[in-house]
Amino acid sequence: MASPIDTINIKAGDLDMKALQTGSYRYILYNQQTKQSPAQRITLVKINVEAKQYHNKPAIFVSQQWDRDTIMHAASSIFNAKDFSTILHESWWKRLG
């Protein structure tokens, strides 16, 4: 039976920022019409997470790049290391520029 509530509310106090794992990660994403059909729209996702300083304050830097035949999407985000609030976010989409 499904839950009548489908929204999860997470507050800064719910996060355990000490458990955040930094490093480089790679994922392959794809679609399939059925379990037997071939993979479609195969995308390589590269994500890098680093703990650094931003304006002399602890911050988390996250960069990501989504590749298919060319770079489809790239984004860079800087978050406050204490509560993970967004300090800066820039993104680029192949279709949107």
N, C-alpha and C. Protein backbone atom coordinates (compact mmCIF):
# COMPACT_ATOMS: atom_id res chain seq x y z
N MET A 1 0.85 -1.18 0.00
CA MET A 1 0.00 0.00 0.00
C MET A 1 0.89 1.24 0.00
N ALA A 2 0.59 2.20 -0.83
CA ALA A 2 1.39 3.41 -0.94
C ALA A 2 1.08 4.37 0.20
N SER A 3 2.06 5.15 0.54
CA SER A 3 1.89 6.17 1.57
C SER A 3 1.06 7.32 1.01
N PRO A 4 0.13 7.87 1.79
CA PRO A 4 -0.66 8.99 1.30
C PRO A 4 0.19 10.27 1.16
N ILE A 5 1.35 10.29 1.82
CA ILE A 5 2.23 11.45 1.74
C ILE A 5 3.41 11.09 0.85
N ASP A 6 3.62 11.84 -0.22
CA ASP A 6 4.71 11.51 -1.15
C ASP A 6 5.83 12.54 -1.12
N THR A 7 5.83 13.42 -0.13
CA THR A 7 6.85 14.45 -0.03
C THR A 7 7.67 14.23 1.24
N ILE A 8 8.98 14.34 1.08
CA ILE A 8 9.89 14.23 2.22
C ILE A 8 10.47 15.61 2.47
N ASN A 9 10.37 16.10 3.68
CA ASN A 9 10.94 17.39 4.04
C ASN A 9 12.20 17.17 4.86
N ILE A 10 13.31 17.68 4.35
CA ILE A 10 14.60 17.53 5.02
C ILE A 10 15.10 18.91 5.39
N LYS A 11 15.47 19.08 6.65
CA LYS A 11 15.99 20.35 7.13
C LYS A 11 17.50 20.22 7.34
N ALA A 12 18.19 21.34 7.43
CA ALA A 12 19.64 21.34 7.62
C ALA A 12 20.04 20.48 8.82
N GLY A 13 19.26 20.53 9.90
CA GLY A 13 19.58 19.75 11.10
C GLY A 13 19.47 18.25 10.90
N ASP A 14 18.79 17.82 9.84
CA ASP A 14 18.65 16.39 9.55
C ASP A 14 19.89 15.82 8.85
N LEU A 15 20.74 16.69 8.31
CA LEU A 15 21.90 16.24 7.54
C LEU A 15 23.08 15.95 8.45
N ASP A 16 23.80 14.88 8.16
CA ASP A 16 25.05 14.57 8.86
C ASP A 16 26.18 14.91 7.91
N MET A 17 26.62 16.16 7.92
CA MET A 17 27.63 16.62 6.96
C MET A 17 28.97 15.92 7.15
N LYS A 18 29.23 15.37 8.32
CA LYS A 18 30.47 14.63 8.53
C LYS A 18 30.49 13.33 7.72
N ALA A 19 29.33 12.83 7.34
CA ALA A 19 29.24 11.58 6.58
C ALA A 19 29.36 11.81 5.07
N LEU A 20 29.42 13.07 4.63
CA LEU A 20 29.53 13.36 3.21
C LEU A 20 30.82 12.79 2.65
N GLN A 21 30.72 12.05 1.57
CA GLN A 21 31.89 11.44 0.95
C GLN A 21 32.35 12.31 -0.22
N THR A 22 33.62 12.68 -0.18
CA THR A 22 34.19 13.45 -1.28
C THR A 22 34.87 12.51 -2.26
N GLY A 23 35.19 13.02 -3.44
CA GLY A 23 35.87 12.21 -4.44
C GLY A 23 35.20 12.31 -5.79
N SER A 24 35.69 11.49 -6.71
CA SER A 24 35.16 11.46 -8.07
C SER A 24 34.31 10.21 -8.27
N TYR A 25 33.18 10.38 -8.93
CA TYR A 25 32.25 9.28 -9.14
C TYR A 25 31.84 9.25 -10.60
N ARG A 26 31.59 8.06 -11.13
CA ARG A 26 31.16 7.88 -12.51
C ARG A 26 29.95 6.94 -12.51
N TYR A 27 28.94 7.32 -13.28
CA TYR A 27 27.73 6.51 -13.40
C TYR A 27 27.35 6.40 -14.87
N ILE A 28 26.74 5.29 -15.24
CA ILE A 28 26.17 5.15 -16.58
C ILE A 28 24.66 5.08 -16.42
N LEU A 29 23.97 5.96 -17.12
CA LEU A 29 22.51 5.98 -17.11
C LEU A 29 22.01 5.59 -18.49
N TYR A 30 20.91 4.84 -18.52
CA TYR A 30 20.33 4.46 -19.81
C TYR A 30 18.85 4.17 -19.63
N ASN A 31 18.14 4.17 -20.74
CA ASN A 31 16.71 3.84 -20.78
C ASN A 31 16.53 2.53 -21.51
N GLN A 32 15.47 1.81 -21.15
CA GLN A 32 15.05 0.60 -21.86
C GLN A 32 13.54 0.62 -21.98
N GLN A 33 13.04 0.18 -23.13
CA GLN A 33 11.60 0.09 -23.32
C GLN A 33 11.03 -1.10 -22.54
N THR A 34 11.74 -2.22 -22.57
CA THR A 34 11.35 -3.43 -21.83
C THR A 34 12.62 -4.04 -21.25
N LYS A 35 12.49 -5.04 -20.42
CA LYS A 35 13.67 -5.72 -19.86
C LYS A 35 14.52 -6.37 -20.93
N GLN A 36 13.91 -6.76 -22.02
CA GLN A 36 14.63 -7.45 -23.09
C GLN A 36 15.18 -6.50 -24.16
N SER A 37 14.75 -5.26 -24.18
CA SER A 37 15.19 -4.34 -25.24
C SER A 37 16.58 -3.80 -24.96
N PRO A 38 17.27 -3.33 -26.00
CA PRO A 38 18.62 -2.80 -25.80
C PRO A 38 18.61 -1.46 -25.07
N ALA A 39 19.74 -1.12 -24.49
CA ALA A 39 19.89 0.17 -23.81
C ALA A 39 19.80 1.29 -24.83
N GLN A 40 19.15 2.38 -24.44
CA GLN A 40 19.02 3.56 -25.29
C GLN A 40 19.46 4.78 -24.51
N ARG A 41 19.86 5.82 -25.23
CA ARG A 41 20.23 7.09 -24.61
C ARG A 41 21.25 6.90 -23.50
N ILE A 42 22.32 6.17 -23.79
CA ILE A 42 23.35 5.88 -22.79
C ILE A 42 24.10 7.17 -22.47
N THR A 43 24.18 7.49 -21.19
CA THR A 43 24.80 8.73 -20.74
C THR A 43 25.82 8.43 -19.65
N LEU A 44 27.01 9.00 -19.77
CA LEU A 44 28.03 8.91 -18.74
C LEU A 44 27.94 10.15 -17.88
N VAL A 45 27.77 9.95 -16.57
CA VAL A 45 27.68 11.06 -15.63
C VAL A 45 28.93 11.05 -14.76
N LYS A 46 29.65 12.18 -14.77
CA LYS A 46 30.87 12.32 -13.97
C LYS A 46 30.61 13.39 -12.91
N ILE A 47 30.83 13.02 -11.65
CA ILE A 47 30.59 13.94 -10.54
C ILE A 47 31.83 14.00 -9.67
N ASN A 48 32.22 15.21 -9.28
CA ASN A 48 33.35 15.40 -8.39
C ASN A 48 32.89 16.22 -7.18
N VAL A 49 33.20 15.76 -5.97
CA VAL A 49 32.81 16.43 -4.73
C VAL A 49 34.08 16.73 -3.94
N GLU A 50 34.27 18.00 -3.58
CA GLU A 50 35.47 18.40 -2.83
C GLU A 50 35.08 19.32 -1.67
N ALA A 51 35.78 19.17 -0.56
CA ALA A 51 35.65 20.09 0.57
C ALA A 51 36.78 21.12 0.43
N LYS A 52 36.40 22.40 0.28
CA LYS A 52 37.37 23.47 0.10
C LYS A 52 36.88 24.72 0.83
N GLN A 53 37.62 25.79 0.68
CA GLN A 53 37.24 27.07 1.25
C GLN A 53 36.66 27.96 0.15
N TYR A 54 35.61 28.71 0.48
CA TYR A 54 35.04 29.70 -0.42
C TYR A 54 34.90 30.98 0.38
N HIS A 55 35.61 32.01 0.00
CA HIS A 55 35.66 33.27 0.75
C HIS A 55 36.00 33.01 2.22
N ASN A 56 37.01 32.17 2.42
CA ASN A 56 37.52 31.83 3.76
C ASN A 56 36.51 31.13 4.66
N LYS A 57 35.53 30.48 4.07
CA LYS A 57 34.55 29.71 4.85
C LYS A 57 34.50 28.30 4.29
N PRO A 58 34.28 27.28 5.14
CA PRO A 58 34.21 25.90 4.65
C PRO A 58 33.05 25.71 3.68
N ALA A 59 33.36 25.05 2.57
CA ALA A 59 32.35 24.85 1.53
C ALA A 59 32.53 23.50 0.87
N ILE A 60 31.49 23.06 0.20
CA ILE A 60 31.50 21.82 -0.59
C ILE A 60 31.34 22.23 -2.05
N PHE A 61 32.29 21.82 -2.88
CA PHE A 61 32.25 22.10 -4.31
C PHE A 61 31.81 20.83 -5.04
N VAL A 62 30.78 20.94 -5.86
CA VAL A 62 30.29 19.80 -6.63
C VAL A 62 30.29 20.19 -8.10
N SER A 63 30.99 19.40 -8.91
CA SER A 63 30.94 19.62 -10.36
C SER A 63 30.42 18.35 -11.01
N GLN A 64 29.66 18.52 -12.07
CA GLN A 64 29.11 17.36 -12.77
C GLN A 64 29.11 17.62 -14.27
N GLN A 65 29.31 16.54 -15.01
CA GLN A 65 29.29 16.61 -16.47
C GLN A 65 28.54 15.39 -16.98
N TRP A 66 27.58 15.63 -17.85
CA TRP A 66 26.76 14.57 -18.43
C TRP A 66 27.12 14.46 -19.91
N ASP A 67 27.65 13.31 -20.31
CA ASP A 67 28.11 13.10 -21.68
C ASP A 67 27.28 12.04 -22.38
N ARG A 68 26.90 12.31 -23.61
CA ARG A 68 26.31 11.31 -24.49
C ARG A 68 27.21 11.25 -25.71
N ASP A 69 26.83 11.80 -26.82
CA ASP A 69 27.73 11.87 -27.97
C ASP A 69 28.65 13.09 -27.83
N THR A 70 28.19 14.11 -27.13
CA THR A 70 28.98 15.29 -26.77
C THR A 70 28.59 15.64 -25.34
N ILE A 71 29.17 16.70 -24.81
CA ILE A 71 28.76 17.13 -23.47
C ILE A 71 27.35 17.68 -23.57
N MET A 72 26.44 17.10 -22.81
CA MET A 72 25.03 17.51 -22.83
C MET A 72 24.72 18.52 -21.73
N HIS A 73 25.39 18.36 -20.58
CA HIS A 73 25.07 19.18 -19.43
C HIS A 73 26.31 19.28 -18.55
N ALA A 74 26.56 20.46 -18.02
CA ALA A 74 27.64 20.65 -17.07
C ALA A 74 27.13 21.60 -15.99
N ALA A 75 27.53 21.35 -14.76
CA ALA A 75 27.09 22.21 -13.66
C ALA A 75 28.18 22.26 -12.59
N SER A 76 28.26 23.41 -11.95
CA SER A 76 29.15 23.60 -10.82
C SER A 76 28.34 24.23 -9.70
N SER A 77 28.47 23.68 -8.51
CA SER A 77 27.73 24.20 -7.37
C SER A 77 28.67 24.33 -6.18
N ILE A 78 28.44 25.35 -5.38
CA ILE A 78 29.17 25.53 -4.14
C ILE A 78 28.12 25.60 -3.03
N PHE A 79 28.32 24.78 -2.00
CA PHE A 79 27.37 24.69 -0.89
C PHE A 79 28.05 25.06 0.42
N ASN A 80 27.30 25.63 1.34
CA ASN A 80 27.77 25.89 2.69
C ASN A 80 28.03 24.54 3.37
N ALA A 81 29.22 24.36 3.91
CA ALA A 81 29.59 23.07 4.51
C ALA A 81 28.84 22.78 5.80
N LYS A 82 28.24 23.78 6.41
CA LYS A 82 27.53 23.54 7.68
C LYS A 82 26.10 23.06 7.47
N ASP A 83 25.39 23.66 6.50
CA ASP A 83 23.98 23.32 6.34
C ASP A 83 23.61 22.92 4.91
N PHE A 84 24.58 22.87 4.00
CA PHE A 84 24.42 22.48 2.61
C PHE A 84 23.53 23.44 1.82
N SER A 85 23.37 24.65 2.31
CA SER A 85 22.62 25.64 1.53
C SER A 85 23.46 26.06 0.33
N THR A 86 22.80 26.44 -0.74
CA THR A 86 23.48 26.80 -1.98
C THR A 86 24.08 28.19 -1.88
N ILE A 87 25.38 28.29 -2.19
CA ILE A 87 26.07 29.57 -2.24
C ILE A 87 26.12 30.06 -3.69
N LEU A 88 26.44 29.15 -4.61
CA LEU A 88 26.59 29.50 -6.01
C LEU A 88 26.25 28.29 -6.86
N HIS A 89 25.56 28.53 -7.98
CA HIS A 89 25.25 27.43 -8.89
C HIS A 89 25.30 27.97 -10.32
N GLU A 90 26.04 27.28 -11.18
CA GLU A 90 26.11 27.62 -12.60
C GLU A 90 25.88 26.34 -13.38
N SER A 91 25.13 26.45 -14.47
CA SER A 91 24.90 25.26 -15.29
C SER A 91 24.83 25.64 -16.76
N TRP A 92 25.06 24.65 -17.59
CA TRP A 92 25.01 24.80 -19.04
C TRP A 92 24.33 23.57 -19.60
N TRP A 93 23.39 23.78 -20.52
CA TRP A 93 22.71 22.69 -21.21
C TRP A 93 22.96 22.81 -22.70
N LYS A 94 23.23 21.71 -23.35
CA LYS A 94 23.50 21.72 -24.79
C LYS A 94 22.37 22.37 -25.57
N ARG A 95 21.13 22.05 -25.23
CA ARG A 95 20.00 22.59 -25.96
C ARG A 95 19.69 24.04 -25.59
N LEU A 96 20.02 24.44 -24.39
CA LEU A 96 19.66 25.77 -23.92
C LEU A 96 20.83 26.76 -23.91
N GLY A 97 22.05 26.25 -23.88
CA GLY A 97 23.22 27.12 -23.79
C GLY A 97 23.52 27.53 -22.38
